Amino acid sequence: MGIRTKTAAAWDDARLVQECLSGNEEAWSHLIEKYKRLIYSIPVKYELPPHDAADIFQSTCLELLTRLAELRKPGALPKWLMQVAHHQCMRLKLQAQRVVSRDGQPQLPEPEIPAIAETMAGQIQEEQILREAIAGLTPQCRRLIELLFLESPARPYTEVSRELGLAAGSIGFTRQKCLDRLRRRLDELGLN
């Protein structure tokens, strides 16, 4: 049973998980696409180099593939992915710190694995909610927000108007409409 990408994009996590568990490859692709930035954001927050971030991403996705059936609440998937990626990061950092052999000195204390900081976890969750809210906007609003707020440096209105095919004088009004839609979507998703 194949699905079209537009259809899969409208599915909530419960439906995506159900489809993935039934073997739907397109659902798997969409699930990974939906959460790839969330997963990558964890090693970035830990300031790991790109090759390590790629390894964390791959191992987190592998964990998702092997343990998805054990997930009791599909709504908890983003937090679960964050925890798996966090543990992968900590494992990698601990491996890098192990320079002294513990064999000769068994009385050395076990290294502590610090808990993920609440502020980091909250920030990562908010970023994921923002990504989902932006993805739920119309293509024009989504692109307008990307051009004005997510690119660095932000593009001037003249460039934005050319790319979107809008009059330069209407960019401010359109921007406000799109931001209002984004605020409503963020409210729906629980981010005030």
C-alpha atoms as a PDB file:
ATOM      1  CA  MET A   1       0.000   0.000   0.000  1.00  0.00           C
ATOM      2  CA  GLY A   2       1.924   3.057  -1.252  1.00  0.00           C
ATOM      3  CA  ILE A   3       1.252   6.552  -0.043  1.00  0.00           C
ATOM      4  CA  ARG A   4       1.793   9.887  -1.666  1.00  0.00           C
ATOM      5  CA  THR A   5       4.114  12.309   0.082  1.00  0.00           C
ATOM      6  CA  LYS A   6       1.397  14.960   0.494  1.00  0.00           C
ATOM      7  CA  THR A   7      -0.828  12.428   2.235  1.00  0.00           C
ATOM      8  CA  ALA A   8       1.951  11.241   4.544  1.00  0.00           C
ATOM      9  CA  ALA A   9       2.841  14.821   5.434  1.00  0.00           C
ATOM     10  CA  ALA A  10      -0.645  15.309   6.873  1.00  0.00           C
ATOM     11  CA  TRP A  11      -0.435  12.235   9.097  1.00  0.00           C
ATOM     12  CA  ASP A  12       0.193  12.583  12.796  1.00  0.00           C
ATOM     13  CA  ASP A  13       2.872  10.535  14.539  1.00  0.00           C
ATOM     14  CA  ALA A  14       0.440   7.791  15.574  1.00  0.00           C
ATOM     15  CA  ARG A  15      -0.535   7.164  11.949  1.00  0.00           C
ATOM     16  CA  LEU A  16       3.069   7.356  10.742  1.00  0.00           C
ATOM     17  CA  VAL A  17       4.191   4.867  13.399  1.00  0.00           C
ATOM     18  CA  GLN A  18       1.328   2.530  12.488  1.00  0.00           C
ATOM     19  CA  GLU A  19       2.250   2.689   8.802  1.00  0.00           C
ATOM     20  CA  CYS A  20       5.946   2.168   9.555  1.00  0.00           C
ATOM     21  CA  LEU A  21       5.185  -0.877  11.664  1.00  0.00           C
ATOM     22  CA  SER A  22       3.092  -2.298   8.832  1.00  0.00           C
ATOM     23  CA  GLY A  23       6.133  -2.049   6.554  1.00  0.00           C
ATOM     24  CA  ASN A  24       5.272   1.074   4.586  1.00  0.00           C
ATOM     25  CA  GLU A  25       8.635   2.331   3.278  1.00  0.00           C
ATOM     26  CA  GLU A  26       7.288   5.738   2.265  1.00  0.00           C
ATOM     27  CA  ALA A  27       6.028   6.253   5.814  1.00  0.00           C
ATOM     28  CA  TRP A  28       9.535   5.438   7.090  1.00  0.00           C
ATOM     29  CA  SER A  29      11.008   7.985   4.708  1.00  0.00           C
ATOM     30  CA  HIS A  30       8.555  10.628   5.839  1.00  0.00           C
ATOM     31  CA  LEU A  31       9.128   9.843   9.527  1.00  0.00           C
ATOM     32  CA  ILE A  32      12.895  10.233   9.118  1.00  0.00           C
ATOM     33  CA  GLU A  33      12.429  13.396   7.028  1.00  0.00           C
ATOM     34  CA  LYS A  34      10.142  14.856   9.704  1.00  0.00           C
ATOM     35  CA  TYR A  35      12.612  14.284  12.540  1.00  0.00           C
ATOM     36  CA  LYS A  36      16.038  14.511  10.888  1.00  0.00           C
ATOM     37  CA  ARG A  37      16.632  18.105  12.010  1.00  0.00           C
ATOM     38  CA  LEU A  38      15.595  17.249  15.555  1.00  0.00           C
ATOM     39  CA  ILE A  39      18.019  14.319  15.645  1.00  0.00           C
ATOM     40  CA  TYR A  40      20.867  16.334  14.117  1.00  0.00           C
ATOM     41  CA  SER A  41      20.258  19.230  16.502  1.00  0.00           C
ATOM     42  CA  ILE A  42      21.360  17.136  19.498  1.00  0.00           C
ATOM     43  CA  PRO A  43      24.984  16.487  18.415  1.00  0.00           C
ATOM     44  CA  VAL A  44      25.152  20.087  17.183  1.00  0.00           C
ATOM     45  CA  LYS A  45      24.211  21.281  20.692  1.00  0.00           C
ATOM     46  CA  TYR A  46      27.003  19.069  22.043  1.00  0.00           C
ATOM     47  CA  GLU A  47      29.355  20.763  19.564  1.00  0.00           C
ATOM     48  CA  LEU A  48      30.328  17.475  17.932  1.00  0.00           C
ATOM     49  CA  PRO A  49      32.029  17.567  14.525  1.00  0.00           C
ATOM     50  CA  PRO A  50      29.902  16.838  11.423  1.00  0.00           C
ATOM     51  CA  HIS A  51      31.177  13.270  10.975  1.00  0.00           C
ATOM     52  CA  ASP A  52      30.231  12.439  14.585  1.00  0.00           C
ATOM     53  CA  ALA A  53      26.839  14.128  14.119  1.00  0.00           C
ATOM     54  CA  ALA A  54      26.268  11.915  11.074  1.00  0.00           C
ATOM     55  CA  ASP A  55      27.172   8.829  13.135  1.00  0.00           C
ATOM     56  CA  ILE A  56      24.771   9.928  15.902  1.00  0.00           C
ATOM     57  CA  PHE A  57      22.031  10.447  13.320  1.00  0.00           C
ATOM     58  CA  GLN A  58      22.618   7.016  11.818  1.00  0.00           C
ATOM     59  CA  SER A  59      22.716   5.200  15.163  1.00  0.00           C
ATOM     60  CA  THR A  60      19.589   7.032  16.374  1.00  0.00           C
ATOM     61  CA  CYS A  61      17.719   6.051  13.203  1.00  0.00           C
ATOM     62  CA  LEU A  62      18.888   2.463  13.609  1.00  0.00           C
ATOM     63  CA  GLU A  63      17.615   2.484  17.196  1.00  0.00           C
ATOM     64  CA  LEU A  64      14.299   3.863  15.907  1.00  0.00           C
ATOM     65  CA  LEU A  65      14.078   1.097  13.319  1.00  0.00           C
ATOM     66  CA  THR A  66      14.792  -1.672  15.815  1.00  0.00           C
ATOM     67  CA  ARG A  67      12.734  -0.359  18.740  1.00  0.00           C
ATOM     68  CA  LEU A  68       9.769   1.451  17.191  1.00  0.00           C
ATOM     69  CA  ALA A  69       7.412  -1.415  18.030  1.00  0.00           C
ATOM     70  CA  GLU A  70       8.239  -0.887  21.732  1.00  0.00           C
ATOM     71  CA  LEU A  71       7.087   2.748  21.680  1.00  0.00           C
ATOM     72  CA  ARG A  72       3.956   2.889  23.827  1.00  0.00           C
ATOM     73  CA  LYS A  73       2.906   6.451  23.009  1.00  0.00           C
ATOM     74  CA  PRO A  74       3.604   7.738  19.478  1.00  0.00           C
ATOM     75  CA  GLY A  75       3.192  11.296  20.801  1.00  0.00           C
ATOM     76  CA  ALA A  76       6.342  10.740  22.848  1.00  0.00           C
ATOM     77  CA  LEU A  77       8.413   9.999  19.742  1.00  0.00           C
ATOM     78  CA  PRO A  78      10.204  13.394  19.572  1.00  0.00           C
ATOM     79  CA  LYS A  79      11.272  13.199  23.219  1.00  0.00           C
ATOM     80  CA  TRP A  80      12.328   9.563  22.791  1.00  0.00           C
ATOM     81  CA  LEU A  81      14.449  10.494  19.747  1.00  0.00           C
ATOM     82  CA  MET A  82      16.050  13.326  21.736  1.00  0.00           C
ATOM     83  CA  GLN A  83      16.915  10.940  24.572  1.00  0.00           C
ATOM     84  CA  VAL A  84      18.391   8.331  22.226  1.00  0.00           C
ATOM     85  CA  ALA A  85      20.495  10.961  20.439  1.00  0.00           C
ATOM     86  CA  HIS A  86      21.557  12.420  23.810  1.00  0.00           C
ATOM     87  CA  HIS A  87      22.694   9.001  25.039  1.00  0.00           C
ATOM     88  CA  GLN A  88      24.586   8.414  21.787  1.00  0.00           C
ATOM     89  CA  CYS A  89      26.330  11.795  22.221  1.00  0.00           C
ATOM     90  CA  MET A  90      27.233  11.054  25.823  1.00  0.00           C
ATOM     91  CA  ARG A  91      28.560   7.614  24.887  1.00  0.00           C
ATOM     92  CA  LEU A  92      30.743   9.196  22.209  1.00  0.00           C
ATOM     93  CA  LYS A  93      32.013  11.922  24.563  1.00  0.00           C
ATOM     94  CA  LEU A  94      32.804   9.365  27.268  1.00  0.00           C
ATOM     95  CA  GLN A  95      34.711   7.201  24.798  1.00  0.00           C
ATOM     96  CA  ALA A  96      36.762  10.229  23.793  1.00  0.00           C
ATOM     97  CA  GLN A  97      37.572  10.995  27.453  1.00  0.00           C
ATOM     98  CA  ARG A  98      38.800   7.496  28.302  1.00  0.00           C
ATOM     99  CA  VAL A  99      42.532   7.817  28.167  1.00  0.00           C
ATOM    100  CA  VAL A 100      43.454   6.142  31.446  1.00  0.00           C
ATOM    101  CA  SER A 101      43.040   2.390  31.749  1.00  0.00           C
ATOM    102  CA  ARG A 102      40.791   1.418  34.643  1.00  0.00           C
ATOM    103  CA  ASP A 103      42.371  -2.044  34.846  1.00  0.00           C
ATOM    104  CA  GLY A 104      45.324  -0.903  36.958  1.00  0.00           C
ATOM    105  CA  GLN A 105      43.220   1.241  39.309  1.00  0.00           C
ATOM    106  CA  PRO A 106      39.846  -0.364  40.055  1.00  0.00           C
ATOM    107  CA  GLN A 107      39.185   2.137  42.864  1.00  0.00           C
ATOM    108  CA  LEU A 108      38.668   4.989  40.362  1.00  0.00           C
ATOM    109  CA  PRO A 109      35.053   6.157  40.464  1.00  0.00           C
ATOM    110  CA  GLU A 110      32.852   5.449  37.492  1.00  0.00           C
ATOM    111  CA  PRO A 111      32.527   8.493  35.252  1.00  0.00           C
ATOM    112  CA  GLU A 112      29.176  10.199  35.658  1.00  0.00           C
ATOM    113  CA  ILE A 113      26.865  10.690  32.742  1.00  0.00           C
ATOM    114  CA  PRO A 114      25.372  14.124  33.232  1.00  0.00           C
ATOM    115  CA  ALA A 115      21.647  14.418  32.624  1.00  0.00           C
ATOM    116  CA  ILE A 116      20.668  16.485  29.625  1.00  0.00           C
ATOM    117  CA  ALA A 117      20.143  20.045  30.771  1.00  0.00           C
ATOM    118  CA  GLU A 118      16.485  20.995  31.037  1.00  0.00           C
ATOM    119  CA  THR A 119      17.120  24.179  29.123  1.00  0.00           C
ATOM    120  CA  MET A 120      18.717  22.251  26.256  1.00  0.00           C
ATOM    121  CA  ALA A 121      15.884  19.718  26.163  1.00  0.00           C
ATOM    122  CA  GLY A 122      13.282  22.485  26.256  1.00  0.00           C
ATOM    123  CA  GLN A 123      15.035  24.447  23.534  1.00  0.00           C
ATOM    124  CA  ILE A 124      15.306  21.401  21.279  1.00  0.00           C
ATOM    125  CA  GLN A 125      11.613  20.604  21.767  1.00  0.00           C
ATOM    126  CA  GLU A 126      10.659  24.190  20.970  1.00  0.00           C
ATOM    127  CA  GLU A 127      12.800  24.109  17.824  1.00  0.00           C
ATOM    128  CA  GLN A 128      11.051  20.919  16.683  1.00  0.00           C
ATOM    129  CA  ILE A 129       7.618  22.434  17.332  1.00  0.00           C
ATOM    130  CA  LEU A 130       8.657  25.499  15.339  1.00  0.00           C
ATOM    131  CA  ARG A 131       9.842  23.300  12.443  1.00  0.00           C
ATOM    132  CA  GLU A 132       6.513  21.444  12.479  1.00  0.00           C
ATOM    133  CA  ALA A 133       4.541  24.693  12.615  1.00  0.00           C
ATOM    134  CA  ILE A 134       6.469  26.157   9.677  1.00  0.00           C
ATOM    135  CA  ALA A 135       6.039  22.923   7.709  1.00  0.00           C
ATOM    136  CA  GLY A 136       2.265  23.220   8.214  1.00  0.00           C
ATOM    137  CA  LEU A 137       2.085  26.650   6.547  1.00  0.00           C
ATOM    138  CA  THR A 138       1.238  27.259   2.897  1.00  0.00           C
ATOM    139  CA  PRO A 139       4.248  26.939   0.584  1.00  0.00           C
ATOM    140  CA  GLN A 140       4.331  30.711   0.025  1.00  0.00           C
ATOM    141  CA  CYS A 141       4.253  31.516   3.757  1.00  0.00           C
ATOM    142  CA  ARG A 142       6.797  28.805   4.517  1.00  0.00           C
ATOM    143  CA  ARG A 143       9.205  30.185   1.891  1.00  0.00           C
ATOM    144  CA  LEU A 144       8.627  33.788   2.986  1.00  0.00           C
ATOM    145  CA  ILE A 145       9.495  32.927   6.593  1.00  0.00           C
ATOM    146  CA  GLU A 146      12.560  30.973   5.460  1.00  0.00           C
ATOM    147  CA  LEU A 147      13.798  33.888   3.361  1.00  0.00           C
ATOM    148  CA  LEU A 148      13.149  36.584   5.956  1.00  0.00           C
ATOM    149  CA  PHE A 149      13.961  34.812   9.212  1.00  0.00           C
ATOM    150  CA  LEU A 150      15.846  31.567   8.681  1.00  0.00           C
ATOM    151  CA  GLU A 151      18.509  32.607   6.194  1.00  0.00           C
ATOM    152  CA  SER A 152      21.569  34.418   7.387  1.00  0.00           C
ATOM    153  CA  PRO A 153      21.756  37.181   6.442  1.00  0.00           C
ATOM    154  CA  ALA A 154      18.068  37.785   5.841  1.00  0.00           C
ATOM    155  CA  ARG A 155      17.232  38.697   2.277  1.00  0.00           C
ATOM    156  CA  PRO A 156      16.067  42.193   1.372  1.00  0.00           C
ATOM    157  CA  TYR A 157      12.403  42.630   0.456  1.00  0.00           C
ATOM    158  CA  THR A 158      13.328  43.263  -3.203  1.00  0.00           C
ATOM    159  CA  GLU A 159      14.908  39.802  -3.522  1.00  0.00           C
ATOM    160  CA  VAL A 160      12.061  38.172  -1.607  1.00  0.00           C
ATOM    161  CA  SER A 161       9.459  39.838  -3.821  1.00  0.00           C
ATOM    162  CA  ARG A 162      11.268  38.659  -6.971  1.00  0.00           C
ATOM    163  CA  GLU A 163      11.553  35.069  -5.760  1.00  0.00           C
ATOM    164  CA  LEU A 164       7.952  34.850  -4.580  1.00  0.00           C
ATOM    165  CA  GLY A 165       6.477  36.855  -7.439  1.00  0.00           C
ATOM    166  CA  LEU A 166       4.965  39.459  -5.114  1.00  0.00           C
ATOM    167  CA  ALA A 167       5.016  43.243  -5.253  1.00  0.00           C
ATOM    168  CA  ALA A 168       7.743  44.616  -2.982  1.00  0.00           C
ATOM    169  CA  GLY A 169       5.154  46.798  -1.226  1.00  0.00           C
ATOM    170  CA  SER A 170       3.059  43.765  -0.262  1.00  0.00           C
ATOM    171  CA  ILE A 171       5.857  41.849   1.485  1.00  0.00           C
ATOM    172  CA  GLY A 172       5.237  43.512   4.862  1.00  0.00           C
ATOM    173  CA  PHE A 173       1.504  42.759   4.768  1.00  0.00           C
ATOM    174  CA  THR A 174       2.103  39.184   3.567  1.00  0.00           C
ATOM    175  CA  ARG A 175       4.785  38.708   6.219  1.00  0.00           C
ATOM    176  CA  GLN A 176       2.350  39.801   8.937  1.00  0.00           C
ATOM    177  CA  LYS A 177      -0.348  37.427   7.633  1.00  0.00           C
ATOM    178  CA  CYS A 178       2.134  34.563   7.587  1.00  0.00           C
ATOM    179  CA  LEU A 179       3.421  35.354  11.089  1.00  0.00           C
ATOM    180  CA  ASP A 180      -0.170  35.424  12.374  1.00  0.00           C
ATOM    181  CA  ARG A 181      -0.755  31.980  10.831  1.00  0.00           C
ATOM    182  CA  LEU A 182       2.489  30.753  12.366  1.00  0.00           C
ATOM    183  CA  ARG A 183       1.474  32.070  15.818  1.00  0.00           C
ATOM    184  CA  ARG A 184      -1.890  30.298  15.575  1.00  0.00           C
ATOM    185  CA  ARG A 185      -0.172  27.082  14.506  1.00  0.00           C
ATOM    186  CA  LEU A 186       2.308  27.360  17.388  1.00  0.00           C
ATOM    187  CA  ASP A 187      -0.595  27.869  19.804  1.00  0.00           C
ATOM    188  CA  GLU A 188      -2.257  24.718  18.393  1.00  0.00           C
ATOM    189  CA  LEU A 189       0.976  22.789  18.931  1.00  0.00           C
ATOM    190  CA  GLY A 190       1.287  24.065  22.493  1.00  0.00           C
ATOM    191  CA  LEU A 191       4.127  26.550  22.108  1.00  0.00           C
ATOM    192  CA  ASN A 192       3.130  29.998  23.305  1.00  0.00           C
END
